[in-house]
N, C-alpha and C. Protein backbone atom coordinates (compact mmCIF):
# COMPACT_ATOMS: atom_id res chain seq x y z
N UNK A 1 -11.53 -7.38 -3.74
CA UNK A 1 -12.35 -6.33 -2.60
C UNK A 1 -13.67 -6.11 -2.68
N UNK A 2 -13.87 -6.07 -4.12
CA UNK A 2 -15.16 -6.00 -4.42
C UNK A 2 -15.95 -6.93 -4.19
N UNK A 3 -15.85 -7.97 -4.14
CA UNK A 3 -16.49 -9.65 -3.36
C UNK A 3 -16.98 -9.50 -2.03
N UNK A 4 -15.94 -9.01 -1.23
CA UNK A 4 -15.90 -8.19 0.36
C UNK A 4 -16.84 -7.57 0.21
N UNK A 5 -17.08 -6.22 -0.03
CA UNK A 5 -17.91 -4.75 -0.05
C UNK A 5 -19.15 -5.66 -0.07
N UNK A 6 -19.65 -6.25 -1.45
CA UNK A 6 -20.65 -6.74 -1.62
C UNK A 6 -21.23 -7.85 -0.78
N UNK A 7 -20.28 -8.39 -0.21
CA UNK A 7 -21.24 -9.48 1.15
C UNK A 7 -21.19 -8.63 2.21
N UNK A 8 -20.54 -7.81 2.63
CA UNK A 8 -20.56 -7.13 3.53
C UNK A 8 -22.18 -6.51 3.70
N UNK A 9 -22.67 -5.58 2.51
CA UNK A 9 -23.31 -4.70 2.66
C UNK A 9 -24.87 -5.34 2.77
N UNK A 10 -24.44 -6.97 1.37
CA UNK A 10 -25.85 -7.75 1.99
C UNK A 10 -26.05 -7.75 3.52
N UNK A 11 -24.79 -8.67 3.82
CA UNK A 11 -25.26 -9.00 5.33
C UNK A 11 -25.73 -7.76 6.36
N UNK A 12 -25.36 -6.51 6.14
CA UNK A 12 -25.78 -5.19 7.10
C UNK A 12 -26.76 -5.03 6.55
N UNK A 13 -27.54 -4.45 5.42
CA UNK A 13 -29.12 -4.15 5.12
C UNK A 13 -29.40 -5.16 5.33
N UNK A 14 -29.56 -6.77 5.40
CA UNK A 14 -30.73 -6.86 5.66
C UNK A 14 -32.01 -6.49 6.81
N UNK A 15 -33.08 -7.03 6.56
CA UNK A 15 -33.79 -6.41 7.01
C UNK A 15 -34.08 -6.46 8.39
N UNK A 16 -34.47 -5.15 9.46
CA UNK A 16 -34.07 -5.22 10.66
C UNK A 16 -35.34 -5.65 11.27
N UNK A 17 -35.43 -6.40 12.19
CA UNK A 17 -36.99 -6.71 13.28
C UNK A 17 -37.37 -5.04 14.09
N UNK A 18 -38.54 -4.86 13.94
CA UNK A 18 -38.57 -3.86 14.24
C UNK A 18 -38.22 -4.68 16.08
N UNK A 19 -38.33 -3.23 16.90
CA UNK A 19 -37.72 -3.14 18.28
C UNK A 19 -37.91 -2.64 18.79
N UNK A 20 -38.68 -1.96 18.65
CA UNK A 20 -39.22 -1.24 19.97
C UNK A 20 -39.06 -1.49 21.56
N UNK A 21 -40.26 -3.21 21.24
CA UNK A 21 -40.71 -3.76 22.63
C UNK A 21 -40.78 -4.81 22.34
N UNK A 22 -39.73 -5.38 21.43
CA UNK A 22 -39.90 -7.10 20.81
C UNK A 22 -38.41 -7.35 22.11
N UNK A 23 -37.85 -8.90 22.36
CA UNK A 23 -36.82 -9.22 23.03
C UNK A 23 -35.72 -9.59 21.83
N UNK A 24 -36.32 -9.15 20.53
CA UNK A 24 -34.90 -9.14 19.72
C UNK A 24 -34.56 -8.39 19.19
N UNK A 25 -34.26 -6.78 20.35
CA UNK A 25 -33.67 -5.48 19.81
C UNK A 25 -32.60 -5.57 19.36
N UNK A 26 -31.88 -4.30 18.68
CA UNK A 26 -30.94 -4.18 18.55
C UNK A 26 -30.74 -2.83 18.76
N UNK A 27 -29.00 -2.47 18.92
CA UNK A 27 -29.07 -0.85 19.41
C UNK A 27 -27.55 -0.72 18.99
N UNK A 28 -28.10 0.74 18.78
CA UNK A 28 -26.57 1.39 17.93
C UNK A 28 -26.05 1.17 16.26
N UNK A 29 -26.99 0.95 15.92
CA UNK A 29 -26.42 0.73 14.51
C UNK A 29 -26.36 1.80 13.03
N UNK A 30 -27.19 3.00 13.03
CA UNK A 30 -26.42 3.92 12.15
C UNK A 30 -26.25 4.84 13.18
N UNK A 31 -24.49 5.82 13.04
CA UNK A 31 -23.62 6.44 13.92
C UNK A 31 -23.64 7.72 13.13
N UNK A 32 -23.05 8.62 13.40
CA UNK A 32 -22.55 10.01 13.25
C UNK A 32 -21.23 10.20 14.20
N UNK A 33 -19.63 10.82 13.51
CA UNK A 33 -19.15 11.28 14.54
C UNK A 33 -19.17 13.02 14.01
N UNK A 34 -18.09 13.94 15.17
CA UNK A 34 -17.80 14.38 14.43
C UNK A 34 -16.40 14.77 15.26
N UNK A 35 -14.77 14.93 15.38
CA UNK A 35 -13.27 14.67 16.17
C UNK A 35 -12.82 15.64 15.81
N UNK A 36 -11.78 15.62 16.46
CA UNK A 36 -10.37 16.60 16.39
C UNK A 36 -9.03 15.43 15.79
N UNK A 37 -8.61 16.06 14.35
CA UNK A 37 -7.26 15.19 14.37
C UNK A 37 -6.33 16.00 14.25
N UNK A 38 -5.96 15.04 14.67
CA UNK A 38 -4.28 14.82 15.19
C UNK A 38 -3.18 14.39 14.67
N UNK A 39 -2.10 14.88 14.24
CA UNK A 39 -0.85 13.97 13.76
C UNK A 39 0.16 13.36 15.26
N UNK A 40 0.05 12.02 14.44
CA UNK A 40 1.43 11.27 15.83
C UNK A 40 2.25 11.26 15.71
N UNK A 41 2.86 11.75 16.83
CA UNK A 41 4.26 12.34 17.13
C UNK A 41 4.80 13.11 15.80
N UNK A 42 4.16 13.83 15.09
CA UNK A 42 4.85 14.84 14.25
C UNK A 42 6.06 15.42 14.18
N UNK A 43 7.08 15.99 13.24
CA UNK A 43 7.99 16.47 13.80
C UNK A 43 7.85 17.94 14.64
N UNK A 44 8.72 18.71 15.16
CA UNK A 44 8.09 19.77 16.21
C UNK A 44 7.88 20.89 14.79
N UNK A 45 8.46 21.30 13.43
CA UNK A 45 8.48 22.10 12.12
C UNK A 45 6.80 21.91 11.95
N UNK A 46 6.06 20.79 12.18
CA UNK A 46 4.67 20.51 11.46
C UNK A 46 4.10 20.86 12.82
N UNK A 47 2.96 21.90 12.75
CA UNK A 47 2.16 22.50 13.81
C UNK A 47 0.28 22.82 13.07
N UNK A 48 -0.46 22.30 13.37
CA UNK A 48 -1.47 22.23 12.73
C UNK A 48 -2.15 23.85 13.55
N UNK A 49 -3.28 24.39 12.58
CA UNK A 49 -3.73 25.77 12.93
C UNK A 49 -4.96 25.42 12.70
N UNK A 50 -5.80 26.86 12.79
CA UNK A 50 -7.07 27.50 12.19
C UNK A 50 -7.34 25.51 12.72
N UNK A 51 -9.03 24.74 12.28
CA UNK A 51 -9.76 23.94 13.23
C UNK A 51 -10.13 23.03 12.43
N UNK A 52 -9.03 21.27 12.62
CA UNK A 52 -8.98 20.67 11.71
C UNK A 52 -9.79 19.49 12.53
N UNK A 53 -11.03 18.86 11.29
CA UNK A 53 -11.81 18.02 12.03
C UNK A 53 -11.82 16.95 10.99
N UNK A 54 -12.36 15.52 11.85
CA UNK A 54 -12.52 14.87 10.93
C UNK A 54 -14.45 14.29 10.81
N UNK A 55 -14.75 13.51 9.81
CA UNK A 55 -16.57 13.02 10.16
C UNK A 55 -16.88 11.78 10.01
N UNK A 56 -17.33 11.37 10.36
CA UNK A 56 -17.51 9.82 9.72
C UNK A 56 -19.29 9.77 9.83
N UNK A 57 -19.80 8.47 8.92
CA UNK A 57 -21.15 8.32 9.06
C UNK A 57 -21.26 6.82 8.20
N UNK A 58 -21.74 6.38 9.09
CA UNK A 58 -21.76 4.30 8.51
C UNK A 58 -23.22 4.09 9.74
N UNK A 59 -22.97 2.89 8.84
CA UNK A 59 -23.81 1.02 9.56
C UNK A 59 -23.07 0.56 10.10
N UNK A 60 -23.62 0.29 11.02
CA UNK A 60 -22.28 -1.14 11.97
C UNK A 60 -24.30 -2.17 12.30
N UNK A 61 -24.17 -3.60 12.18
CA UNK A 61 -24.88 -4.28 12.44
C UNK A 61 -24.80 -4.69 13.66
N UNK A 62 -25.76 -4.40 14.42
CA UNK A 62 -25.29 -5.05 15.97
C UNK A 62 -25.71 -6.45 15.89
N UNK A 63 -25.42 -7.27 16.03
CA UNK A 63 -25.19 -9.15 16.53
C UNK A 63 -24.97 -9.78 18.05
N UNK A 64 -26.44 -9.65 18.51
CA UNK A 64 -25.76 -9.26 20.56
C UNK A 64 -25.77 -11.07 20.68
N UNK A 65 -24.55 -11.32 21.42
CA UNK A 65 -24.40 -12.63 22.25
C UNK A 65 -24.19 -13.33 22.86
N UNK A 66 -25.42 -12.18 23.52
CA UNK A 66 -25.92 -13.77 24.60
C UNK A 66 -27.22 -13.19 25.30
N UNK A 67 -27.70 -14.17 26.01
CA UNK A 67 -29.10 -13.90 26.21
C UNK A 67 -29.65 -12.84 26.14
N UNK A 68 -29.16 -11.90 27.37
CA UNK A 68 -29.71 -10.40 27.74
C UNK A 68 -29.99 -9.38 26.80
N UNK A 69 -28.28 -9.52 25.96
CA UNK A 69 -28.81 -8.97 24.82
C UNK A 69 -27.97 -7.36 24.87
N UNK A 70 -27.02 -7.73 26.03
CA UNK A 70 -26.10 -6.72 26.51
C UNK A 70 -24.74 -6.88 26.57
N UNK A 71 -24.24 -8.21 25.49
CA UNK A 71 -23.26 -8.08 24.80
C UNK A 71 -23.13 -8.08 23.66
N UNK A 72 -22.19 -7.63 22.78
CA UNK A 72 -22.93 -7.69 21.12
C UNK A 72 -21.39 -7.72 20.65
N UNK A 73 -21.50 -8.06 18.97
CA UNK A 73 -20.03 -7.91 18.54
C UNK A 73 -21.64 -6.73 16.89
N UNK A 74 -20.30 -6.14 16.60
CA UNK A 74 -20.26 -5.34 15.52
C UNK A 74 -19.84 -5.13 13.70
N UNK A 75 -20.61 -5.55 13.55
CA UNK A 75 -19.31 -5.07 11.72
C UNK A 75 -20.51 -4.23 10.88
N UNK A 76 -19.35 -3.44 10.39
CA UNK A 76 -20.44 -2.57 9.11
C UNK A 76 -19.37 -1.96 8.38
N UNK A 77 -20.18 -1.23 7.88
CA UNK A 77 -19.70 0.28 6.56
C UNK A 77 -19.82 1.05 6.68
N UNK A 78 -18.78 2.16 6.74
CA UNK A 78 -18.53 3.29 6.54
C UNK A 78 -18.22 4.70 5.66
N UNK A 79 -17.91 5.84 5.87
CA UNK A 79 -17.32 6.85 5.41
C UNK A 79 -17.12 7.94 6.15
N UNK A 80 -15.45 8.12 5.92
CA UNK A 80 -14.84 9.18 7.49
C UNK A 80 -13.95 10.33 6.08
N UNK A 81 -14.36 11.09 6.42
CA UNK A 81 -13.54 12.33 5.68
C UNK A 81 -12.76 13.09 7.07
N UNK A 82 -11.43 13.64 6.80
CA UNK A 82 -10.58 14.28 7.47
C UNK A 82 -10.03 15.51 6.45
N UNK A 83 -9.53 16.22 7.72
CA UNK A 83 -8.81 17.65 7.30
C UNK A 83 -7.64 18.14 8.37
N UNK A 84 -6.75 18.86 7.95
CA UNK A 84 -5.71 18.86 9.17
C UNK A 84 -5.49 20.00 8.18
N UNK A 85 -5.68 20.71 8.25
CA UNK A 85 -4.95 22.40 8.80
C UNK A 85 -3.24 22.68 9.74
N UNK A 86 -2.33 22.95 8.39
CA UNK A 86 -1.50 22.98 9.19
C UNK A 86 -0.55 24.15 8.48
N UNK A 87 0.50 23.95 8.93
CA UNK A 87 1.39 25.63 8.09
C UNK A 87 2.97 25.19 7.37
N UNK A 88 2.38 23.84 6.88
CA UNK A 88 3.52 22.80 6.15
C UNK A 88 2.43 21.95 4.78
N UNK A 89 3.34 22.46 3.29
CA UNK A 89 3.21 23.01 2.25
C UNK A 89 3.74 21.28 2.23
N UNK A 90 2.39 20.03 1.35
CA UNK A 90 3.28 18.93 1.15
C UNK A 90 2.78 18.44 0.32
N UNK A 91 3.87 17.98 -1.23
CA UNK A 91 3.89 17.81 -2.68
C UNK A 91 4.73 16.90 -2.63
N UNK A 92 4.30 16.43 -4.05
CA UNK A 92 4.76 15.13 -4.71
C UNK A 92 6.43 15.72 -5.65
N UNK A 93 7.57 14.61 -4.88
CA UNK A 93 8.70 14.68 -5.48
C UNK A 93 8.91 13.50 -6.27
N UNK A 94 8.12 12.94 -7.62
CA UNK A 94 8.49 11.42 -8.10
C UNK A 94 7.36 11.09 -7.13
N UNK A 95 7.77 9.50 -6.50
CA UNK A 95 6.64 8.81 -5.49
C UNK A 95 7.39 9.59 -4.21
N UNK A 96 7.70 10.47 -3.84
CA UNK A 96 7.97 10.99 -2.60
C UNK A 96 6.79 12.31 -2.19
N UNK A 97 6.55 12.22 -0.94
CA UNK A 97 5.90 13.26 -0.35
C UNK A 97 6.85 14.03 0.03
N UNK A 98 7.20 15.74 -0.22
CA UNK A 98 8.23 16.09 0.43
C UNK A 98 7.17 17.45 1.23
N UNK A 99 7.95 18.34 1.60
CA UNK A 99 7.12 19.48 2.44
C UNK A 99 7.98 20.41 2.69
N UNK A 100 7.34 21.64 3.00
CA UNK A 100 7.53 23.44 2.81
C UNK A 100 6.83 23.84 4.14
N UNK A 101 7.87 24.39 5.05
CA UNK A 101 7.51 24.86 5.87
C UNK A 101 6.59 26.38 5.07
N UNK A 102 5.71 26.68 5.80
CA UNK A 102 5.06 28.50 5.04
C UNK A 102 5.77 29.05 5.68
N UNK A 103 6.03 30.05 5.74
CA UNK A 103 6.32 31.87 5.98
C UNK A 103 5.80 32.97 5.12
N UNK A 104 5.80 32.86 4.09
CA UNK A 104 4.88 33.86 3.49
C UNK A 104 3.15 34.02 4.02
N UNK A 105 2.40 35.03 3.60
CA UNK A 105 1.17 35.33 3.73
C UNK A 105 0.59 33.99 2.92
N UNK A 106 -0.50 33.35 3.70
CA UNK A 106 -1.60 32.45 2.68
C UNK A 106 -2.90 32.58 3.24
N UNK A 107 -3.90 32.18 1.96
CA UNK A 107 -5.49 32.20 2.45
C UNK A 107 -5.29 30.79 3.58
N UNK A 108 -5.55 29.33 3.27
CA UNK A 108 -4.95 28.08 3.61
C UNK A 108 -4.37 26.75 3.27
N UNK A 109 -4.60 26.32 4.41
CA UNK A 109 -3.24 24.90 3.39
C UNK A 109 -3.77 24.01 4.14
N UNK A 110 -4.13 23.09 4.00
CA UNK A 110 -4.84 21.61 4.48
C UNK A 110 -4.43 20.32 3.63
N UNK A 111 -4.66 19.33 4.54
CA UNK A 111 -4.59 17.89 3.62
C UNK A 111 -5.85 17.14 3.93
N UNK A 112 -6.03 16.51 3.13
CA UNK A 112 -7.56 15.98 2.98
C UNK A 112 -7.78 14.12 2.64
N UNK A 113 -7.75 13.87 3.38
CA UNK A 113 -8.57 11.74 3.13
C UNK A 113 -10.02 12.06 3.30
N UNK A 114 -10.44 10.64 2.03
CA UNK A 114 -11.62 10.44 2.20
C UNK A 114 -11.31 8.61 2.16
N UNK A 115 -12.02 8.30 3.27
CA UNK A 115 -11.47 6.26 3.14
C UNK A 115 -13.02 5.80 3.30
N UNK A 116 -13.16 4.69 3.40
CA UNK A 116 -13.91 3.92 3.16
C UNK A 116 -13.74 2.47 4.70
N UNK A 117 -14.42 2.83 5.86
CA UNK A 117 -13.99 2.45 7.00
C UNK A 117 -15.27 0.95 6.61
N UNK A 118 -14.53 -0.28 7.00
CA UNK A 118 -15.38 -1.24 7.17
C UNK A 118 -15.06 -2.09 9.22
N UNK A 119 -15.83 -1.56 10.02
CA UNK A 119 -15.12 -1.58 11.53
C UNK A 119 -15.94 -2.60 12.39
N UNK A 120 -15.01 -3.04 13.00
CA UNK A 120 -15.20 -4.53 13.73
C UNK A 120 -15.34 -4.31 15.21
N UNK A 121 -16.63 -4.77 16.25
CA UNK A 121 -16.66 -4.33 17.60
C UNK A 121 -16.89 -5.11 18.55
N UNK A 122 -16.77 -5.09 19.71
CA UNK A 122 -16.92 -5.25 20.86
C UNK A 122 -17.74 -4.77 21.51
N UNK A 123 -18.68 -4.94 21.35
CA UNK A 123 -20.00 -3.73 22.44
C UNK A 123 -20.27 -4.71 23.74
N UNK A 124 -20.65 -3.18 24.44
CA UNK A 124 -21.34 -3.99 25.41
C UNK A 124 -22.63 -2.47 26.37
N UNK A 125 -23.55 -2.48 26.67
CA UNK A 125 -24.18 -2.05 27.03
C UNK A 125 -25.46 -2.54 28.12
N UNK A 126 -25.80 -1.46 29.40
CA UNK A 126 -26.78 -2.09 30.06
C UNK A 126 -28.71 -1.92 29.57
N UNK A 127 -28.65 -1.79 28.10
CA UNK A 127 -29.93 -1.43 27.65
C UNK A 127 -31.28 -2.88 27.73
N UNK A 128 -31.87 -2.37 27.61
CA UNK A 128 -33.53 -3.64 28.15
C UNK A 128 -34.01 -2.94 26.59
N UNK A 129 -35.24 -4.05 25.79
CA UNK A 129 -36.36 -3.93 24.78
C UNK A 129 -36.79 -2.87 25.61
N UNK A 130 -36.87 -2.30 26.82
CA UNK A 130 -37.73 -0.68 26.43
C UNK A 130 -36.92 0.34 27.31
N UNK A 131 -35.87 0.11 27.39
CA UNK A 131 -34.77 0.70 28.04
C UNK A 131 -33.55 1.38 26.80
N UNK A 132 -34.17 2.61 26.94
CA UNK A 132 -33.96 3.44 25.47
C UNK A 132 -32.45 4.33 25.79
N UNK A 133 -32.07 4.93 27.18
CA UNK A 133 -30.90 5.92 27.61
C UNK A 133 -30.17 4.60 28.71
N UNK A 134 -29.32 4.53 28.75
CA UNK A 134 -28.60 3.17 28.38
C UNK A 134 -26.77 3.94 28.11
N UNK A 135 -25.79 3.50 29.85
CA UNK A 135 -23.97 3.36 29.36
C UNK A 135 -24.29 2.24 28.15
N UNK A 136 -23.01 2.62 27.16
CA UNK A 136 -22.43 2.21 26.02
C UNK A 136 -21.18 2.03 26.50
N UNK A 137 -20.38 1.07 26.35
CA UNK A 137 -18.89 1.34 25.27
C UNK A 137 -18.72 -0.29 24.31
N UNK A 138 -18.23 0.40 23.47
CA UNK A 138 -17.75 -0.75 22.09
C UNK A 138 -15.92 0.17 21.73
N UNK A 139 -15.76 -1.40 21.44
CA UNK A 139 -14.31 -1.37 21.04
C UNK A 139 -13.97 -2.07 20.07
N UNK A 140 -12.90 -1.47 18.55
CA UNK A 140 -12.29 -2.64 18.20
C UNK A 140 -11.55 -1.86 17.58
N UNK A 141 -11.46 -2.36 15.81
CA UNK A 141 -10.90 -1.74 14.66
C UNK A 141 -11.96 -1.60 13.73
N UNK A 142 -11.05 -1.15 12.97
CA UNK A 142 -11.59 -0.22 12.18
C UNK A 142 -10.91 -0.67 10.58
N UNK A 143 -11.06 -0.96 9.10
CA UNK A 143 -9.87 -1.07 8.01
C UNK A 143 -10.51 -0.26 7.54
N UNK A 144 -9.68 0.53 7.16
CA UNK A 144 -9.87 1.66 6.53
C UNK A 144 -9.14 1.54 4.28
N UNK A 145 -10.06 2.17 3.59
CA UNK A 145 -9.82 1.51 2.45
C UNK A 145 -9.94 3.19 2.01
N UNK A 146 -8.95 3.79 1.70
CA UNK A 146 -8.26 5.54 0.79
C UNK A 146 -9.04 5.44 -0.19
N UNK A 147 -9.96 6.48 -0.19
CA UNK A 147 -10.17 6.62 -1.89
C UNK A 147 -9.89 7.91 -2.39
N UNK A 148 -8.97 9.37 -1.45
CA UNK A 148 -8.07 10.12 -1.92
C UNK A 148 -7.61 10.41 -0.45
N UNK A 149 -6.26 11.40 -0.59
CA UNK A 149 -5.62 12.02 0.12
C UNK A 149 -5.04 12.83 -0.86
N UNK A 150 -5.36 14.13 -0.16
CA UNK A 150 -4.85 15.57 -1.35
C UNK A 150 -3.86 16.48 -0.06
N UNK A 151 -3.22 17.19 -0.73
CA UNK A 151 -3.26 18.30 -0.23
C UNK A 151 -3.41 19.73 -0.68
N UNK A 152 -3.73 20.77 -0.69
CA UNK A 152 -4.62 21.89 -1.39
C UNK A 152 -3.93 23.33 -0.63
N UNK A 153 -3.15 24.09 -1.25
CA UNK A 153 -2.22 25.40 -0.73
C UNK A 153 -3.45 26.11 -1.80
N UNK A 154 -3.55 27.16 -1.12
CA UNK A 154 -4.23 28.83 -1.82
C UNK A 154 -3.71 29.64 -1.47
N UNK A 155 -3.25 30.39 -2.39
CA UNK A 155 -1.69 31.53 -2.15
C UNK A 155 -2.39 32.79 -1.59
N UNK A 156 -1.78 33.96 -0.81
CA UNK A 156 -2.20 34.94 -0.56
C UNK A 156 -3.13 35.10 -1.24
N UNK A 157 -3.38 35.50 -3.06
CA UNK A 157 -3.99 35.93 -4.15
C UNK A 157 -4.75 34.88 -4.68
N UNK A 158 -4.93 34.39 -4.37
CA UNK A 158 -5.78 32.90 -4.26
C UNK A 158 -5.84 32.15 -5.68
N UNK A 159 -4.32 31.69 -5.99
CA UNK A 159 -4.08 31.03 -6.27
C UNK A 159 -4.22 29.43 -5.41
N UNK A 160 -5.07 28.64 -6.60
CA UNK A 160 -4.90 27.23 -5.95
C UNK A 160 -4.34 25.95 -6.02
N UNK A 161 -3.41 25.51 -5.80
CA UNK A 161 -2.59 23.71 -5.99
C UNK A 161 -2.94 23.02 -5.33
N UNK A 162 -2.99 21.83 -6.18
CA UNK A 162 -3.83 20.30 -5.38
C UNK A 162 -3.40 19.52 -5.84
N UNK A 163 -2.85 18.79 -4.38
CA UNK A 163 -1.62 17.43 -5.29
C UNK A 163 -2.65 16.52 -4.56
N UNK A 164 -2.13 15.03 -5.34
CA UNK A 164 -2.68 14.06 -5.25
C UNK A 164 -1.17 13.25 -4.47
N UNK A 165 -1.49 12.89 -3.49
CA UNK A 165 -0.71 12.45 -2.81
C UNK A 165 -0.47 10.52 -3.04
N UNK A 166 0.63 10.08 -2.70
CA UNK A 166 0.62 8.54 -2.59
C UNK A 166 0.27 7.73 -1.24
N UNK A 167 -0.11 7.02 -1.27
CA UNK A 167 -0.65 6.22 -0.19
C UNK A 167 -0.05 4.97 0.68
N UNK A 168 0.47 4.30 1.38
CA UNK A 168 0.56 3.30 0.85
C UNK A 168 -0.02 1.74 1.12
N UNK A 169 -1.50 2.68 1.43
CA UNK A 169 -2.38 1.71 0.85
C UNK A 169 -3.64 1.59 2.04
N UNK A 170 -4.51 0.34 2.42
CA UNK A 170 -4.90 -0.12 3.41
C UNK A 170 -4.65 -0.13 4.82
N UNK A 171 -4.70 0.56 5.94
CA UNK A 171 -4.51 0.97 7.10
C UNK A 171 -5.79 0.46 8.23
N UNK A 172 -5.11 -0.43 9.16
CA UNK A 172 -6.28 -0.01 10.80
C UNK A 172 -6.14 1.15 11.70
N UNK A 173 -7.45 1.06 12.39
CA UNK A 173 -7.23 2.47 13.09
C UNK A 173 -8.25 1.40 14.38
N UNK A 174 -7.49 1.69 15.71
CA UNK A 174 -8.45 1.60 16.82
C UNK A 174 -9.36 2.42 17.01
N UNK A 175 -10.64 2.06 17.72
CA UNK A 175 -11.62 2.78 18.23
C UNK A 175 -11.95 2.41 19.74
N UNK A 176 -12.92 3.69 19.99
CA UNK A 176 -13.09 3.33 21.85
C UNK A 176 -14.41 4.16 21.72
N UNK A 177 -15.33 3.86 21.80
CA UNK A 177 -16.45 4.67 21.97
C UNK A 177 -17.67 4.62 23.30
N UNK A 178 -17.63 5.88 23.93
CA UNK A 178 -18.05 5.14 25.67
C UNK A 178 -18.92 6.53 25.71
N UNK A 179 -20.04 6.41 26.45
CA UNK A 179 -21.09 7.34 26.98
C UNK A 179 -22.17 6.87 27.34
N UNK A 180 -23.35 8.04 27.77
CA UNK A 180 -24.22 7.50 28.31
C UNK A 180 -25.28 8.46 27.47
N UNK A 181 -26.37 7.40 26.89
CA UNK A 181 -27.62 7.89 26.04
C UNK A 181 -27.27 8.81 24.53
N UNK A 182 -27.31 10.09 25.02
CA UNK A 182 -27.32 10.74 23.43
C UNK A 182 -25.77 11.01 23.40
N UNK A 183 -24.86 11.62 24.58
CA UNK A 183 -23.37 11.76 23.97
C UNK A 183 -22.61 10.95 24.74
N UNK A 184 -21.50 10.66 23.90
CA UNK A 184 -20.43 9.57 23.52
C UNK A 184 -19.47 9.93 23.49
N UNK A 185 -18.54 10.00 24.04
CA UNK A 185 -17.25 10.37 23.63
C UNK A 185 -16.27 9.05 22.46
N UNK A 186 -15.94 9.41 21.38
CA UNK A 186 -15.32 8.99 20.44
C UNK A 186 -14.06 9.13 20.43
N UNK A 187 -12.61 7.62 20.74
CA UNK A 187 -11.64 7.67 20.70
C UNK A 187 -10.81 7.11 19.58
N UNK A 188 -9.85 7.67 18.76
CA UNK A 188 -9.38 6.85 17.82
C UNK A 188 -7.99 7.12 17.35
N UNK A 189 -7.09 6.08 17.20
CA UNK A 189 -5.54 5.71 17.08
C UNK A 189 -5.00 5.24 15.84
N UNK A 190 -4.58 5.27 14.85
CA UNK A 190 -4.25 4.73 13.39
C UNK A 190 -3.28 3.74 13.88
N UNK A 191 -3.20 2.52 13.47
CA UNK A 191 -1.95 1.55 14.14
C UNK A 191 -1.10 0.97 12.96
N UNK A 192 -1.05 2.24 11.86
CA UNK A 192 -0.22 1.41 10.72
C UNK A 192 -0.09 2.82 10.50
N UNK A 193 0.70 3.15 9.57
CA UNK A 193 1.06 4.44 9.17
C UNK A 193 0.69 3.94 7.76
N UNK A 194 0.33 5.51 7.24
CA UNK A 194 -0.80 4.86 5.94
C UNK A 194 0.15 6.18 5.04
N UNK A 195 0.95 6.32 5.34
CA UNK A 195 1.76 7.52 3.86
C UNK A 195 3.14 7.84 4.65
N UNK A 196 3.97 7.78 4.14
CA UNK A 196 5.37 8.64 4.29
C UNK A 196 6.28 10.15 3.96
N UNK A 197 5.97 10.77 4.31
CA UNK A 197 7.13 12.09 4.08
C UNK A 197 8.71 12.61 4.43
N UNK A 198 9.30 13.50 3.76
CA UNK A 198 10.20 13.63 3.95
C UNK A 198 10.93 14.64 4.06
N UNK A 199 11.37 15.34 4.99
CA UNK A 199 12.02 16.87 5.46
C UNK A 199 13.56 16.81 5.09
N UNK A 200 14.00 18.21 5.20
CA UNK A 200 15.80 18.36 4.81
C UNK A 200 16.93 17.04 5.09
N UNK A 201 16.12 16.44 6.42
CA UNK A 201 16.74 15.40 7.32
C UNK A 201 16.52 14.27 7.57
N UNK A 202 14.90 13.93 7.36
CA UNK A 202 14.41 12.75 7.33
C UNK A 202 13.72 12.29 7.16
N UNK A 203 13.13 11.74 7.23
CA UNK A 203 11.45 10.97 6.63
C UNK A 203 11.28 10.40 8.07
N UNK A 204 9.87 10.51 7.86
CA UNK A 204 8.26 10.69 8.89
C UNK A 204 7.31 9.89 8.95
N UNK A 205 6.76 8.83 9.69
CA UNK A 205 5.58 8.30 9.04
C UNK A 205 4.10 9.02 9.63
N UNK A 206 3.90 8.69 8.52
CA UNK A 206 2.27 9.76 9.04
C UNK A 206 1.20 8.76 9.49
N UNK A 207 0.80 9.00 10.79
CA UNK A 207 -0.46 8.51 11.55
C UNK A 207 -1.41 9.46 12.50
N UNK A 208 -2.25 9.19 12.43
CA UNK A 208 -3.06 10.08 12.30
C UNK A 208 -4.00 9.81 13.79
N UNK A 209 -4.36 10.12 14.84
CA UNK A 209 -5.57 10.17 16.39
C UNK A 209 -6.55 10.84 16.34
N UNK A 210 -7.83 10.80 16.60
CA UNK A 210 -8.46 11.68 16.75
C UNK A 210 -9.51 11.63 18.18
N UNK A 211 -9.85 12.51 18.67
CA UNK A 211 -10.93 12.71 19.73
C UNK A 211 -12.20 13.41 19.56
N UNK A 212 -13.42 12.99 19.89
CA UNK A 212 -14.68 13.65 19.42
C UNK A 212 -15.55 12.99 19.70
N UNK A 213 -17.16 13.58 19.55
CA UNK A 213 -18.26 12.66 19.34
C UNK A 213 -18.32 11.86 18.76
N UNK A 214 -19.51 11.51 19.18
CA UNK A 214 -20.01 10.18 18.30
C UNK A 214 -21.95 9.71 18.85
N UNK A 215 -22.92 9.86 17.84
CA UNK A 215 -24.15 10.11 18.09
C UNK A 215 -24.90 8.75 17.33
N UNK A 216 -25.58 8.53 18.10
CA UNK A 216 -26.42 6.39 17.22
C UNK A 216 -27.75 7.23 16.99
N UNK A 217 -28.30 7.21 16.20
CA UNK A 217 -29.12 7.23 15.74
C UNK A 217 -30.31 6.38 15.75
N UNK A 218 -30.12 5.09 15.48
CA UNK A 218 -31.25 4.30 15.54
C UNK A 218 -29.89 2.62 16.60
């Protein structure tokens, strides 16, 4: 994994040719996203509350594949953080994630995940070397390497408990970004469960989806 990351970073951050009035222009390489995350097919007892959020930041090397440079491939590296506020407290029993529905007063309760993202995209845009407001559609998958997965609970009197939760390992996420100029919708769906937790009578695969906005800085 370390050798793969070194190779990716070396390729992605090669000097970028000045592109404002060049026929060798590239587009949409540095991105920032904000989104609302939600669990896919959760049990009825798990309810998200407060304002869950997901943030992403990264760099995608744009590699045009046709002469007019309207089609391209993208390969990048980024960082994602997601926080889900729920009414369910997650904890670890042995190597299993167990849950408790919260009925008493408490200050906050959330799950937090940070991951390294390696996106691969197919990209279309109607840009030219001098046209910087254009339509775009990007779609593809990203490989996510979790850096941490935690449950944080703060009681009504301020006592805080943090649990590091077990995770299955790397997982794939499908992504779609589309829009015009500054404003672009971002939709994502995990293709694999990244953890399993249990309730009193069943176990559930943990997968997440999100919808939000993505902004391209250059």
